[in-house]
Protein backbone atom coordinates (compact mmCIF):
# COMPACT_ATOMS: atom_id res chain seq x y z
CA MET A 1 50.64 -208.43 148.77
CA ARG A 2 54.24 -207.54 149.74
CA ARG A 3 54.39 -208.92 153.07
CA LEU A 4 52.39 -212.20 151.79
CA CYS A 5 55.17 -212.72 149.41
CA THR A 6 57.80 -212.39 152.45
CA VAL A 7 56.71 -215.51 153.71
CA PRO A 8 58.55 -218.65 151.87
CA GLY A 9 56.18 -220.68 149.20
CA VAL A 10 53.78 -217.85 149.09
CA GLY A 11 54.59 -216.03 145.92
CA ARG A 12 53.20 -213.36 143.77
CA VAL A 13 49.71 -215.35 142.79
CA THR A 14 49.47 -216.93 146.12
CA SER A 15 49.50 -213.77 147.72
CA GLY A 16 47.08 -211.75 144.38
CA ALA A 17 44.51 -214.82 145.06
CA ILE A 18 44.25 -214.40 149.18
CA MET A 19 43.44 -210.97 148.70
CA ALA A 20 41.32 -211.45 146.91
CA PHE A 21 39.04 -214.54 147.93
CA THR A 22 39.55 -214.18 151.39
CA PRO A 23 37.34 -212.68 153.85
CA ASP A 24 38.84 -209.32 155.87
CA LEU A 25 41.28 -211.62 157.79
CA ARG A 26 39.58 -209.91 161.77
CA THR A 27 36.64 -211.94 161.18
CA PHE A 28 38.80 -215.10 162.06
CA ALA A 29 39.43 -215.54 165.55
CA SER A 30 42.03 -217.49 165.34
CA GLY A 31 45.07 -218.68 162.60
CA ARG A 32 43.50 -222.33 163.53
CA ASN A 33 40.23 -221.18 161.81
CA PHE A 34 41.70 -219.40 159.05
CA ALA A 35 43.03 -222.94 158.15
CA ALA A 36 39.68 -224.91 158.72
CA TRP A 37 38.00 -222.30 156.68
CA LEU A 38 40.52 -223.58 153.81
CA GLY A 39 40.40 -226.78 154.37
CA LEU A 40 43.49 -227.58 156.38
CA GLU A 41 43.05 -229.07 159.65
CA PRO A 42 41.66 -232.93 160.34
CA ARG A 43 37.63 -233.40 161.19
CA GLN A 44 37.05 -233.80 165.44
CA ARG A 45 35.06 -235.91 165.99
CA SER A 46 35.09 -236.22 169.92
CA THR A 47 32.56 -237.49 172.24
CA GLY A 48 33.47 -237.37 175.99
CA GLY A 49 35.92 -234.69 176.51
CA LYS A 50 37.85 -237.04 174.18
CA ALA A 51 38.99 -235.31 170.98
CA LYS A 52 39.36 -237.75 168.14
CA LEU A 53 41.13 -236.42 165.09
CA GLY A 54 40.19 -237.75 161.59
CA SER A 55 41.45 -236.60 157.68
CA VAL A 56 42.00 -233.32 156.84
CA SER A 57 37.92 -232.34 155.26
CA LYS A 58 39.35 -230.68 152.21
CA MET A 59 36.03 -228.32 152.02
CA GLY A 60 36.55 -225.06 152.27
CA GLN A 61 38.65 -222.22 149.75
CA SER A 62 39.63 -224.94 147.19
CA ASP A 63 41.62 -222.44 144.88
CA ILE A 64 43.75 -220.58 147.80
CA ARG A 65 44.26 -224.10 149.53
CA LYS A 66 45.78 -225.58 146.31
CA LEU A 67 48.38 -222.86 145.61
CA LEU A 68 49.35 -223.12 148.79
CA VAL A 69 50.27 -226.79 147.94
CA VAL A 70 51.95 -226.37 144.97
CA GLY A 71 53.89 -223.30 147.19
CA ALA A 72 54.88 -226.05 149.86
CA MET A 73 56.13 -229.12 147.35
CA SER A 74 58.36 -226.26 145.57
CA ARG A 75 59.79 -225.51 149.10
CA ILE A 76 60.34 -229.31 149.68
CA ARG A 77 61.82 -229.62 146.84
CA TRP A 78 64.42 -227.21 147.19
CA ILE A 79 64.99 -228.21 150.67
CA VAL A 80 65.87 -231.57 149.40
CA ARG A 81 67.66 -230.72 146.57
CA LYS A 82 69.56 -228.47 149.02
CA GLY A 83 69.81 -231.04 151.72
CA VAL A 84 67.57 -231.86 154.64
CA MET A 85 68.63 -229.88 157.97
CA PRO A 86 68.20 -232.38 160.49
CA ASP A 87 67.63 -230.04 163.54
CA ASN A 88 65.15 -228.34 161.59
CA TRP A 89 61.12 -228.86 162.42
CA LEU A 90 60.13 -229.36 158.44
CA GLY A 91 63.56 -232.41 157.96
CA LYS A 92 62.33 -233.67 161.32
CA LEU A 93 58.53 -234.58 159.52
CA MET A 94 60.32 -235.04 156.64
CA ALA A 95 62.43 -238.05 158.06
CA ARG A 96 59.10 -239.70 159.15
CA LYS A 97 56.51 -238.60 156.69
CA PRO A 98 55.53 -239.11 153.08
CA ARG A 99 55.99 -235.82 151.30
CA MET A 100 52.63 -235.02 150.97
CA VAL A 101 51.90 -235.16 154.41
CA VAL A 102 54.71 -233.04 155.23
CA ALA A 103 53.30 -230.47 152.45
CA VAL A 104 50.29 -230.54 154.20
CA ALA A 105 51.64 -229.60 157.91
CA LEU A 106 53.60 -227.09 155.96
CA VAL A 107 50.31 -225.29 154.35
CA ASN A 108 48.37 -225.38 157.38
CA LYS A 109 51.91 -223.93 159.14
CA MET A 110 51.52 -221.36 156.08
CA ALA A 111 48.32 -220.26 156.96
CA ARG A 112 48.78 -219.82 160.32
CA ILE A 113 51.76 -217.54 159.79
CA ILE A 114 49.43 -215.23 156.66
CA TRP A 115 46.81 -215.16 159.63
CA ALA A 116 49.50 -213.45 161.74
CA MET A 117 50.86 -211.38 159.26
CA LEU A 118 47.65 -209.33 157.79
CA PRO A 119 45.02 -208.56 161.14
CA LEU A 120 48.58 -207.90 163.25
CA GLY A 121 50.48 -205.55 161.05
CA VAL A 122 52.88 -207.77 160.35
CA ASN A 123 55.85 -206.35 158.07
CA ASP A 124 58.13 -209.66 157.85
CA CYS A 125 57.32 -213.44 158.57
CA ARG A 126 60.71 -213.48 160.65
CA HIS A 127 59.14 -210.91 163.18
CA LEU A 128 56.59 -213.43 163.78
CA ALA A 129 58.95 -216.47 165.81
CA ALA A 130 59.22 -213.66 168.65
CA MET A 131 55.84 -213.03 168.77
CA ARG A 132 55.51 -216.81 170.45
């Protein structure tokens, strides 16, 4: 739980819910599969090798998803209050998208970071940038 609290936007309640409600994260093949289990991935309709992405399905583990969205919104509010950094990934996204869309994108990123932290045994989310 302490490792999960190092992810910005994830607190004690969210990390406890993740530890309690998620199955073993090694069962998910990738971070995208974990995010899809939470209900954060867009619905895919593909035919003839052409993938079309739709809206986010919102089917999945709703308790953890709601806690992650609250954490992402608090992080977005903190960034807006401190000043948006236009060179940052989040700052660029906030410049062109509504706040709730940015929050869901941030939650998707947070879910992938959580998946990468737990099964691999990474101690801190700052080390994940070196893994990419």
